[in-house]
Amino acid sequence: MHEEYTIKRFWEIIDYVKSKYKIGCAKILHIKGETKPGDIAVLIVTQSISRREAFEAAREIIDLVKHTTGIWKLEYREDGVFWVLGEGERIKRDDLVETRDT
């Protein structure tokens, strides 16, 4: 995880969602480090007078966190090691090729 970028992106997501929905408060808490399957990795908290607004805002926040931040999940499975991108999309770690300018 690129921590600086990710934290900045969390604040941008919160600002965006607060401007779109009638919510008073929103928080994103994400664990840093290794987790096991079933461990809680992220908490999204929203506060609103309307449950519908709070739920819709929370749903959009989690989608934006999964798809627009520097958080990557490395998953070890019997069939290999994969980077998980969200929505079940996985890239086999060995298939990624690192490129550098020389």
PDB file of N, CA and C in Angstrom:
ATOM      1  N   MET A   1       0.859  -1.178   0.000  1.00  0.00           N
ATOM      2  CA  MET A   1       0.000   0.000   0.000  1.00  0.00           C
ATOM      3  C   MET A   1       0.894   1.227   0.000  1.00  0.00           C
ATOM      4  N   HIS A   2       0.612   2.152  -0.852  1.00  0.00           N
ATOM      5  CA  HIS A   2       1.307   3.423  -0.879  1.00  0.00           C
ATOM      6  C   HIS A   2       0.559   4.333   0.092  1.00  0.00           C
ATOM      7  N   GLU A   3       1.022   4.339   1.336  1.00  0.00           N
ATOM      8  CA  GLU A   3       0.266   4.921   2.440  1.00  0.00           C
ATOM      9  C   GLU A   3      -0.088   6.396   2.236  1.00  0.00           C
ATOM     10  N   GLU A   4       0.861   7.201   1.847  1.00  0.00           N
ATOM     11  CA  GLU A   4       0.599   8.635   1.677  1.00  0.00           C
ATOM     12  C   GLU A   4      -0.498   8.880   0.641  1.00  0.00           C
ATOM     13  N   TYR A   5      -0.355   8.243  -0.524  1.00  0.00           N
ATOM     14  CA  TYR A   5      -1.353   8.388  -1.582  1.00  0.00           C
ATOM     15  C   TYR A   5      -2.712   7.875  -1.116  1.00  0.00           C
ATOM     16  N   THR A   6      -2.719   6.751  -0.451  1.00  0.00           N
ATOM     17  CA  THR A   6      -3.973   6.128  -0.034  1.00  0.00           C
ATOM     18  C   THR A   6      -4.715   7.005   0.967  1.00  0.00           C
ATOM     19  N   ILE A   7      -4.010   7.553   1.943  1.00  0.00           N
ATOM     20  CA  ILE A   7      -4.660   8.425   2.927  1.00  0.00           C
ATOM     21  C   ILE A   7      -5.224   9.674   2.243  1.00  0.00           C
ATOM     22  N   LYS A   8      -4.454  10.255   1.332  1.00  0.00           N
ATOM     23  CA  LYS A   8      -4.940  11.414   0.565  1.00  0.00           C
ATOM     24  C   LYS A   8      -6.199  11.040  -0.216  1.00  0.00           C
ATOM     25  N   ARG A   9      -6.166   9.875  -0.834  1.00  0.00           N
ATOM     26  CA  ARG A   9      -7.316   9.414  -1.625  1.00  0.00           C
ATOM     27  C   ARG A   9      -8.528   9.166  -0.727  1.00  0.00           C
ATOM     28  N   PHE A  10      -8.328   8.630   0.480  1.00  0.00           N
ATOM     29  CA  PHE A  10      -9.442   8.439   1.422  1.00  0.00           C
ATOM     30  C   PHE A  10     -10.151   9.766   1.676  1.00  0.00           C
ATOM     31  N   TRP A  11      -9.378  10.833   1.932  1.00  0.00           N
ATOM     32  CA  TRP A  11      -9.989  12.144   2.189  1.00  0.00           C
ATOM     33  C   TRP A  11     -10.729  12.663   0.961  1.00  0.00           C
ATOM     34  N   GLU A  12     -10.171  12.445  -0.225  1.00  0.00           N
ATOM     35  CA  GLU A  12     -10.858  12.859  -1.456  1.00  0.00           C
ATOM     36  C   GLU A  12     -12.173  12.105  -1.619  1.00  0.00           C
ATOM     37  N   ILE A  13     -12.166  10.817  -1.329  1.00  0.00           N
ATOM     38  CA  ILE A  13     -13.388  10.011  -1.417  1.00  0.00           C
ATOM     39  C   ILE A  13     -14.428  10.534  -0.440  1.00  0.00           C
ATOM     40  N   ILE A  14     -14.029  10.799   0.790  1.00  0.00           N
ATOM     41  CA  ILE A  14     -14.974  11.311   1.791  1.00  0.00           C
ATOM     42  C   ILE A  14     -15.545  12.654   1.350  1.00  0.00           C
ATOM     43  N   ASP A  15     -14.701  13.562   0.884  1.00  0.00           N
ATOM     44  CA  ASP A  15     -15.189  14.866   0.417  1.00  0.00           C
ATOM     45  C   ASP A  15     -16.177  14.711  -0.728  1.00  0.00           C
ATOM     46  N   TYR A  16     -15.843  13.841  -1.685  1.00  0.00           N
ATOM     47  CA  TYR A  16     -16.723  13.610  -2.828  1.00  0.00           C
ATOM     48  C   TYR A  16     -18.079  13.055  -2.378  1.00  0.00           C
ATOM     49  N   VAL A  17     -18.062  12.039  -1.538  1.00  0.00           N
ATOM     50  CA  VAL A  17     -19.307  11.395  -1.111  1.00  0.00           C
ATOM     51  C   VAL A  17     -20.139  12.351  -0.247  1.00  0.00           C
ATOM     52  N   LYS A  18     -19.499  13.148   0.594  1.00  0.00           N
ATOM     53  CA  LYS A  18     -20.235  14.117   1.408  1.00  0.00           C
ATOM     54  C   LYS A  18     -20.900  15.176   0.540  1.00  0.00           C
ATOM     55  N   SER A  19     -20.295  15.511  -0.600  1.00  0.00           N
ATOM     56  CA  SER A  19     -20.904  16.494  -1.499  1.00  0.00           C
ATOM     57  C   SER A  19     -22.064  15.895  -2.299  1.00  0.00           C
ATOM     58  N   LYS A  20     -22.073  14.587  -2.442  1.00  0.00           N
ATOM     59  CA  LYS A  20     -23.088  13.917  -3.253  1.00  0.00           C
ATOM     60  C   LYS A  20     -24.303  13.478  -2.432  1.00  0.00           C
ATOM     61  N   TYR A  21     -24.078  13.058  -1.185  1.00  0.00           N
ATOM     62  CA  TYR A  21     -25.142  12.539  -0.330  1.00  0.00           C
ATOM     63  C   TYR A  21     -25.338  13.456   0.873  1.00  0.00           C
ATOM     64  N   LYS A  22     -26.496  13.363   1.473  1.00  0.00           N
ATOM     65  CA  LYS A  22     -26.789  14.150   2.670  1.00  0.00           C
ATOM     66  C   LYS A  22     -26.310  13.386   3.902  1.00  0.00           C
ATOM     67  N   ILE A  23     -24.984  13.370   4.075  1.00  0.00           N
ATOM     68  CA  ILE A  23     -24.406  12.705   5.243  1.00  0.00           C
ATOM     69  C   ILE A  23     -23.629  13.733   6.045  1.00  0.00           C
ATOM     70  N   GLY A  24     -23.650  13.573   7.355  1.00  0.00           N
ATOM     71  CA  GLY A  24     -22.946  14.504   8.216  1.00  0.00           C
ATOM     72  C   GLY A  24     -21.505  14.104   8.439  1.00  0.00           C
ATOM     73  N   CYS A  25     -21.247  12.810   8.429  1.00  0.00           N
ATOM     74  CA  CYS A  25     -19.913  12.312   8.748  1.00  0.00           C
ATOM     75  C   CYS A  25     -19.659  11.018   7.991  1.00  0.00           C
ATOM     76  N   ALA A  26     -18.410  10.823   7.599  1.00  0.00           N
ATOM     77  CA  ALA A  26     -17.997   9.563   6.977  1.00  0.00           C
ATOM     78  C   ALA A  26     -16.564   9.283   7.392  1.00  0.00           C
ATOM     79  N   LYS A  27     -16.265   8.020   7.654  1.00  0.00           N
ATOM     80  CA  LYS A  27     -14.920   7.606   8.043  1.00  0.00           C
ATOM     81  C   LYS A  27     -14.543   6.332   7.305  1.00  0.00           C
ATOM     82  N   ILE A  28     -13.264   6.228   6.967  1.00  0.00           N
ATOM     83  CA  ILE A  28     -12.705   5.025   6.363  1.00  0.00           C
ATOM     84  C   ILE A  28     -11.556   4.571   7.266  1.00  0.00           C
ATOM     85  N   LEU A  29     -11.645   3.350   7.749  1.00  0.00           N
ATOM     86  CA  LEU A  29     -10.570   2.775   8.550  1.00  0.00           C
ATOM     87  C   LEU A  29     -10.112   1.497   7.851  1.00  0.00           C
ATOM     88  N   HIS A  30      -8.831   1.415   7.532  1.00  0.00           N
ATOM     89  CA  HIS A  30      -8.308   0.251   6.820  1.00  0.00           C
ATOM     90  C   HIS A  30      -7.098  -0.291   7.569  1.00  0.00           C
ATOM     91  N   ILE A  31      -7.078  -1.598   7.777  1.00  0.00           N
ATOM     92  CA  ILE A  31      -5.954  -2.236   8.470  1.00  0.00           C
ATOM     93  C   ILE A  31      -4.711  -2.151   7.600  1.00  0.00           C
ATOM     94  N   LYS A  32      -3.581  -2.043   8.250  1.00  0.00           N
ATOM     95  CA  LYS A  32      -2.302  -2.027   7.545  1.00  0.00           C
ATOM     96  C   LYS A  32      -1.534  -3.266   7.997  1.00  0.00           C
ATOM     97  N   GLY A  33      -1.045  -4.034   7.058  1.00  0.00           N
ATOM     98  CA  GLY A  33      -0.284  -5.230   7.399  1.00  0.00           C
ATOM     99  C   GLY A  33      -1.014  -6.491   6.992  1.00  0.00           C
ATOM    100  N   GLU A  34      -0.514  -7.591   7.472  1.00  0.00           N
ATOM    101  CA  GLU A  34      -1.046  -8.894   7.092  1.00  0.00           C
ATOM    102  C   GLU A  34      -2.359  -9.198   7.799  1.00  0.00           C
ATOM    103  N   THR A  35      -3.235  -9.860   7.087  1.00  0.00           N
ATOM    104  CA  THR A  35      -4.486 -10.351   7.656  1.00  0.00           C
ATOM    105  C   THR A  35      -4.691 -11.784   7.202  1.00  0.00           C
ATOM    106  N   LYS A  36      -5.564 -12.480   7.897  1.00  0.00           N
ATOM    107  CA  LYS A  36      -5.943 -13.834   7.519  1.00  0.00           C
ATOM    108  C   LYS A  36      -7.344 -13.784   6.918  1.00  0.00           C
ATOM    109  N   PRO A  37      -7.712 -14.767   6.114  1.00  0.00           N
ATOM    110  CA  PRO A  37      -9.071 -14.803   5.593  1.00  0.00           C
ATOM    111  C   PRO A  37     -10.083 -14.700   6.736  1.00  0.00           C
ATOM    112  N   GLY A  38     -11.046 -13.838   6.559  1.00  0.00           N
ATOM    113  CA  GLY A  38     -12.068 -13.639   7.578  1.00  0.00           C
ATOM    114  C   GLY A  38     -11.782 -12.493   8.529  1.00  0.00           C
ATOM    115  N   ASP A  39     -10.530 -11.997   8.548  1.00  0.00           N
ATOM    116  CA  ASP A  39     -10.213 -10.848   9.388  1.00  0.00           C
ATOM    117  C   ASP A  39     -10.890  -9.600   8.827  1.00  0.00           C
ATOM    118  N   ILE A  40     -11.240  -8.699   9.714  1.00  0.00           N
ATOM    119  CA  ILE A  40     -11.789  -7.415   9.276  1.00  0.00           C
ATOM    120  C   ILE A  40     -10.637  -6.580   8.739  1.00  0.00           C
ATOM    121  N   ALA A  41     -10.764  -6.115   7.494  1.00  0.00           N
ATOM    122  CA  ALA A  41      -9.711  -5.329   6.867  1.00  0.00           C
ATOM    123  C   ALA A  41     -10.105  -3.866   6.717  1.00  0.00           C
ATOM    124  N   VAL A  42     -11.396  -3.593   6.578  1.00  0.00           N
ATOM    125  CA  VAL A  42     -11.836  -2.215   6.357  1.00  0.00           C
ATOM    126  C   VAL A  42     -13.163  -1.971   7.065  1.00  0.00           C
ATOM    127  N   LEU A  43     -13.296  -0.766   7.614  1.00  0.00           N
ATOM    128  CA  LEU A  43     -14.565  -0.323   8.203  1.00  0.00           C
ATOM    129  C   LEU A  43     -14.956   0.978   7.528  1.00  0.00           C
ATOM    130  N   ILE A  44     -16.190   1.053   7.093  1.00  0.00           N
ATOM    131  CA  ILE A  44     -16.744   2.275   6.514  1.00  0.00           C
ATOM    132  C   ILE A  44     -17.871   2.713   7.433  1.00  0.00           C
ATOM    133  N   VAL A  45     -17.810   3.958   7.890  1.00  0.00           N
ATOM    134  CA  VAL A  45     -18.816   4.485   8.802  1.00  0.00           C
ATOM    135  C   VAL A  45     -19.421   5.732   8.172  1.00  0.00           C
ATOM    136  N   THR A  46     -20.739   5.765   8.104  1.00  0.00           N
ATOM    137  CA  THR A  46     -21.434   6.956   7.628  1.00  0.00           C
ATOM    138  C   THR A  46     -22.526   7.322   8.616  1.00  0.00           C
ATOM    139  N   GLN A  47     -22.815   8.610   8.704  1.00  0.00           N
ATOM    140  CA  GLN A  47     -23.849   9.106   9.607  1.00  0.00           C
ATOM    141  C   GLN A  47     -24.758  10.031   8.816  1.00  0.00           C
ATOM    142  N   SER A  48     -26.059   9.787   8.932  1.00  0.00           N
ATOM    143  CA  SER A  48     -27.035  10.598   8.220  1.00  0.00           C
ATOM    144  C   SER A  48     -28.379  10.488   8.914  1.00  0.00           C
ATOM    145  N   ILE A  49     -29.236  11.444   8.655  1.00  0.00           N
ATOM    146  CA  ILE A  49     -30.611  11.364   9.153  1.00  0.00           C
ATOM    147  C   ILE A  49     -31.350  10.242   8.429  1.00  0.00           C
ATOM    148  N   SER A  50     -30.978  10.015   7.171  1.00  0.00           N
ATOM    149  CA  SER A  50     -31.629   9.007   6.336  1.00  0.00           C
ATOM    150  C   SER A  50     -30.777   7.742   6.245  1.00  0.00           C
ATOM    151  N   ARG A  51     -31.361   6.609   6.606  1.00  0.00           N
ATOM    152  CA  ARG A  51     -30.635   5.334   6.460  1.00  0.00           C
ATOM    153  C   ARG A  51     -30.267   5.087   5.010  1.00  0.00           C
ATOM    154  N   ARG A  52     -31.179   5.387   4.094  1.00  0.00           N
ATOM    155  CA  ARG A  52     -30.922   5.173   2.673  1.00  0.00           C
ATOM    156  C   ARG A  52     -29.680   5.944   2.232  1.00  0.00           C
ATOM    157  N   GLU A  53     -29.588   7.222   2.589  1.00  0.00           N
ATOM    158  CA  GLU A  53     -28.424   8.032   2.234  1.00  0.00           C
ATOM    159  C   GLU A  53     -27.148   7.456   2.848  1.00  0.00           C
ATOM    160  N   ALA A  54     -27.226   7.058   4.111  1.00  0.00           N
ATOM    161  CA  ALA A  54     -26.046   6.506   4.793  1.00  0.00           C
ATOM    162  C   ALA A  54     -25.578   5.223   4.118  1.00  0.00           C
ATOM    163  N   PHE A  55     -26.515   4.328   3.778  1.00  0.00           N
ATOM    164  CA  PHE A  55     -26.150   3.067   3.127  1.00  0.00           C
ATOM    165  C   PHE A  55     -25.605   3.297   1.721  1.00  0.00           C
ATOM    166  N   GLU A  56     -26.246   4.178   0.952  1.00  0.00           N
ATOM    167  CA  GLU A  56     -25.771   4.455  -0.405  1.00  0.00           C
ATOM    168  C   GLU A  56     -24.380   5.089  -0.376  1.00  0.00           C
ATOM    169  N   ALA A  57     -24.171   6.007   0.557  1.00  0.00           N
ATOM    170  CA  ALA A  57     -22.855   6.642   0.683  1.00  0.00           C
ATOM    171  C   ALA A  57     -21.797   5.607   1.063  1.00  0.00           C
ATOM    172  N   ALA A  58     -22.120   4.738   2.023  1.00  0.00           N
ATOM    173  CA  ALA A  58     -21.167   3.700   2.441  1.00  0.00           C
ATOM    174  C   ALA A  58     -20.843   2.761   1.283  1.00  0.00           C
ATOM    175  N   ARG A  59     -21.854   2.391   0.517  1.00  0.00           N
ATOM    176  CA  ARG A  59     -21.634   1.500  -0.634  1.00  0.00           C
ATOM    177  C   ARG A  59     -20.709   2.162  -1.660  1.00  0.00           C
ATOM    178  N   GLU A  60     -20.921   3.446  -1.927  1.00  0.00           N
ATOM    179  CA  GLU A  60     -20.062   4.130  -2.892  1.00  0.00           C
ATOM    180  C   GLU A  60     -18.639   4.283  -2.345  1.00  0.00           C
ATOM    181  N   ILE A  61     -18.512   4.560  -1.057  1.00  0.00           N
ATOM    182  CA  ILE A  61     -17.180   4.687  -0.458  1.00  0.00           C
ATOM    183  C   ILE A  61     -16.401   3.390  -0.613  1.00  0.00           C
ATOM    184  N   ILE A  62     -16.990   2.262  -0.264  1.00  0.00           N
ATOM    185  CA  ILE A  62     -16.247   0.999  -0.341  1.00  0.00           C
ATOM    186  C   ILE A  62     -15.865   0.683  -1.784  1.00  0.00           C
ATOM    187  N   ASP A  63     -16.750   0.980  -2.736  1.00  0.00           N
ATOM    188  CA  ASP A  63     -16.409   0.749  -4.147  1.00  0.00           C
ATOM    189  C   ASP A  63     -15.237   1.636  -4.573  1.00  0.00           C
ATOM    190  N   LEU A  64     -15.248   2.895  -4.170  1.00  0.00           N
ATOM    191  CA  LEU A  64     -14.149   3.792  -4.522  1.00  0.00           C
ATOM    192  C   LEU A  64     -12.851   3.382  -3.840  1.00  0.00           C
ATOM    193  N   VAL A  65     -12.924   2.931  -2.601  1.00  0.00           N
ATOM    194  CA  VAL A  65     -11.722   2.449  -1.907  1.00  0.00           C
ATOM    195  C   VAL A  65     -11.135   1.258  -2.655  1.00  0.00           C
ATOM    196  N   LYS A  66     -11.995   0.325  -3.066  1.00  0.00           N
ATOM    197  CA  LYS A  66     -11.526  -0.885  -3.750  1.00  0.00           C
ATOM    198  C   LYS A  66     -10.916  -0.594  -5.113  1.00  0.00           C
ATOM    199  N   HIS A  67     -11.428   0.439  -5.794  1.00  0.00           N
ATOM    200  CA  HIS A  67     -11.037   0.632  -7.190  1.00  0.00           C
ATOM    201  C   HIS A  67     -10.158   1.852  -7.456  1.00  0.00           C
ATOM    202  N   THR A  68      -9.977   2.744  -6.485  1.00  0.00           N
ATOM    203  CA  THR A  68      -9.246   3.969  -6.799  1.00  0.00           C
ATOM    204  C   THR A  68      -8.146   4.308  -5.799  1.00  0.00           C
ATOM    205  N   THR A  69      -7.792   3.376  -4.933  1.00  0.00           N
ATOM    206  CA  THR A  69      -6.730   3.674  -3.967  1.00  0.00           C
ATOM    207  C   THR A  69      -5.526   2.775  -4.225  1.00  0.00           C
ATOM    208  N   GLY A  70      -4.482   2.987  -3.443  1.00  0.00           N
ATOM    209  CA  GLY A  70      -3.260   2.203  -3.599  1.00  0.00           C
ATOM    210  C   GLY A  70      -3.259   0.922  -2.800  1.00  0.00           C
ATOM    211  N   ILE A  71      -4.426   0.441  -2.428  1.00  0.00           N
ATOM    212  CA  ILE A  71      -4.501  -0.773  -1.611  1.00  0.00           C
ATOM    213  C   ILE A  71      -4.535  -1.989  -2.522  1.00  0.00           C
ATOM    214  N   TRP A  72      -3.613  -2.892  -2.282  1.00  0.00           N
ATOM    215  CA  TRP A  72      -3.562  -4.143  -3.027  1.00  0.00           C
ATOM    216  C   TRP A  72      -3.584  -5.286  -2.031  1.00  0.00           C
ATOM    217  N   LYS A  73      -4.232  -6.333  -2.401  1.00  0.00           N
ATOM    218  CA  LYS A  73      -4.316  -7.507  -1.536  1.00  0.00           C
ATOM    219  C   LYS A  73      -3.590  -8.651  -2.231  1.00  0.00           C
ATOM    220  N   LEU A  74      -2.618  -9.223  -1.544  1.00  0.00           N
ATOM    221  CA  LEU A  74      -1.900 -10.379  -2.059  1.00  0.00           C
ATOM    222  C   LEU A  74      -2.506 -11.616  -1.417  1.00  0.00           C
ATOM    223  N   GLU A  75      -3.013 -12.514  -2.258  1.00  0.00           N
ATOM    224  CA  GLU A  75      -3.740 -13.688  -1.781  1.00  0.00           C
ATOM    225  C   GLU A  75      -2.964 -14.948  -2.141  1.00  0.00           C
ATOM    226  N   TYR A  76      -2.717 -15.773  -1.138  1.00  0.00           N
ATOM    227  CA  TYR A  76      -2.025 -17.048  -1.344  1.00  0.00           C
ATOM    228  C   TYR A  76      -3.067 -18.147  -1.431  1.00  0.00           C
ATOM    229  N   ARG A  77      -3.088 -18.871  -2.563  1.00  0.00           N
ATOM    230  CA  ARG A  77      -4.055 -19.938  -2.789  1.00  0.00           C
ATOM    231  C   ARG A  77      -3.322 -21.191  -3.244  1.00  0.00           C
ATOM    232  N   GLU A  78      -4.027 -22.299  -3.248  1.00  0.00           N
ATOM    233  CA  GLU A  78      -3.416 -23.552  -3.701  1.00  0.00           C
ATOM    234  C   GLU A  78      -2.943 -23.471  -5.146  1.00  0.00           C
ATOM    235  N   ASP A  79      -3.623 -22.657  -5.960  1.00  0.00           N
ATOM    236  CA  ASP A  79      -3.268 -22.570  -7.378  1.00  0.00           C
ATOM    237  C   ASP A  79      -2.323 -21.400  -7.687  1.00  0.00           C
ATOM    238  N   GLY A  80      -1.756 -20.782  -6.665  1.00  0.00           N
ATOM    239  CA  GLY A  80      -0.782 -19.727  -6.898  1.00  0.00           C
ATOM    240  C   GLY A  80      -0.965 -18.530  -5.980  1.00  0.00           C
ATOM    241  N   VAL A  81      -0.184 -17.483  -6.268  1.00  0.00           N
ATOM    242  CA  VAL A  81      -0.234 -16.237  -5.510  1.00  0.00           C
ATOM    243  C   VAL A  81      -0.791 -15.163  -6.439  1.00  0.00           C
ATOM    244  N   PHE A  82      -1.811 -14.435  -5.961  1.00  0.00           N
ATOM    245  CA  PHE A  82      -2.535 -13.490  -6.805  1.00  0.00           C
ATOM    246  C   PHE A  82      -2.678 -12.129  -6.128  1.00  0.00           C
ATOM    247  N   TRP A  83      -2.603 -11.054  -6.944  1.00  0.00           N
ATOM    248  CA  TRP A  83      -3.014  -9.730  -6.501  1.00  0.00           C
ATOM    249  C   TRP A  83      -4.514  -9.643  -6.745  1.00  0.00           C
ATOM    250  N   VAL A  84      -5.267  -9.260  -5.719  1.00  0.00           N
ATOM    251  CA  VAL A  84      -6.721  -9.147  -5.833  1.00  0.00           C
ATOM    252  C   VAL A  84      -7.048  -7.681  -6.042  1.00  0.00           C
ATOM    253  N   LEU A  85      -7.759  -7.393  -7.142  1.00  0.00           N
ATOM    254  CA  LEU A  85      -8.056  -6.014  -7.511  1.00  0.00           C
ATOM    255  C   LEU A  85      -9.446  -5.575  -7.089  1.00  0.00           C
ATOM    256  N   GLY A  86     -10.273  -6.487  -6.671  1.00  0.00           N
ATOM    257  CA  GLY A  86     -11.651  -6.154  -6.303  1.00  0.00           C
ATOM    258  C   GLY A  86     -12.625  -6.835  -7.233  1.00  0.00           C
ATOM    259  N   GLU A  87     -13.845  -7.029  -6.727  1.00  0.00           N
ATOM    260  CA  GLU A  87     -14.903  -7.667  -7.512  1.00  0.00           C
ATOM    261  C   GLU A  87     -14.464  -9.021  -8.060  1.00  0.00           C
ATOM    262  N   GLY A  88     -13.595  -9.710  -7.328  1.00  0.00           N
ATOM    263  CA  GLY A  88     -13.165 -11.036  -7.737  1.00  0.00           C
ATOM    264  C   GLY A  88     -12.081 -11.069  -8.802  1.00  0.00           C
ATOM    265  N   GLU A  89     -11.639  -9.895  -9.271  1.00  0.00           N
ATOM    266  CA  GLU A  89     -10.591  -9.851 -10.295  1.00  0.00           C
ATOM    267  C   GLU A  89      -9.235 -10.112  -9.653  1.00  0.00           C
ATOM    268  N   ARG A  90      -8.491 -11.059 -10.223  1.00  0.00           N
ATOM    269  CA  ARG A  90      -7.181 -11.427  -9.698  1.00  0.00           C
ATOM    270  C   ARG A  90      -6.157 -11.461 -10.833  1.00  0.00           C
ATOM    271  N   ILE A  91      -4.937 -11.082 -10.487  1.00  0.00           N
ATOM    272  CA  ILE A  91      -3.824 -11.181 -11.429  1.00  0.00           C
ATOM    273  C   ILE A  91      -2.765 -12.042 -10.759  1.00  0.00           C
ATOM    274  N   LYS A  92      -2.369 -13.101 -11.450  1.00  0.00           N
ATOM    275  CA  LYS A  92      -1.329 -13.977 -10.902  1.00  0.00           C
ATOM    276  C   LYS A  92      -0.046 -13.164 -10.735  1.00  0.00           C
ATOM    277  N   ARG A  93       0.544 -13.241  -9.568  1.00  0.00           N
ATOM    278  CA  ARG A  93       1.730 -12.438  -9.266  1.00  0.00           C
ATOM    279  C   ARG A  93       2.829 -12.670 -10.289  1.00  0.00           C
ATOM    280  N   ASP A  94       3.024 -13.893 -10.734  1.00  0.00           N
ATOM    281  CA  ASP A  94       4.070 -14.200 -11.700  1.00  0.00           C
ATOM    282  C   ASP A  94       3.794 -13.596 -13.071  1.00  0.00           C
ATOM    283  N   ASP A  95       2.521 -13.221 -13.352  1.00  0.00           N
ATOM    284  CA  ASP A  95       2.173 -12.654 -14.644  1.00  0.00           C
ATOM    285  C   ASP A  95       2.494 -11.167 -14.735  1.00  0.00           C
ATOM    286  N   LEU A  96       2.730 -10.515 -13.594  1.00  0.00           N
ATOM    287  CA  LEU A  96       3.057  -9.095 -13.607  1.00  0.00           C
ATOM    288  C   LEU A  96       4.504  -8.922 -13.979  1.00  0.00           C
ATOM    289  N   VAL A  97       4.757  -8.002 -14.876  1.00  0.00           N
ATOM    290  CA  VAL A  97       6.117  -7.720 -15.301  1.00  0.00           C
ATOM    291  C   VAL A  97       6.432  -6.309 -14.858  1.00  0.00           C
ATOM    292  N   GLU A  98       7.493  -6.172 -14.086  1.00  0.00           N
ATOM    293  CA  GLU A  98       7.905  -4.847 -13.632  1.00  0.00           C
ATOM    294  C   GLU A  98       8.749  -4.196 -14.707  1.00  0.00           C
ATOM    295  N   THR A  99       8.422  -2.965 -15.044  1.00  0.00           N
ATOM    296  CA  THR A  99       9.207  -2.226 -16.023  1.00  0.00           C
ATOM    297  C   THR A  99       9.799  -1.003 -15.349  1.00  0.00           C
ATOM    298  N   ARG A 100      11.003  -0.651 -15.767  1.00  0.00           N
ATOM    299  CA  ARG A 100      11.678   0.518 -15.209  1.00  0.00           C
ATOM    300  C   ARG A 100      12.334   1.273 -16.353  1.00  0.00           C
ATOM    301  N   ASP A 101      12.337   2.597 -16.210  1.00  0.00           N
ATOM    302  CA  ASP A 101      13.070   3.408 -17.167  1.00  0.00           C
ATOM    303  C   ASP A 101      14.556   3.306 -16.849  1.00  0.00           C
ATOM    304  N   THR A 102      15.385   3.110 -17.861  1.00  0.00           N
ATOM    305  CA  THR A 102      16.835   3.015 -17.615  1.00  0.00           C
ATOM    306  C   THR A 102      17.562   4.155 -18.273  1.00  0.00           C
TER     307      THR A 102
END
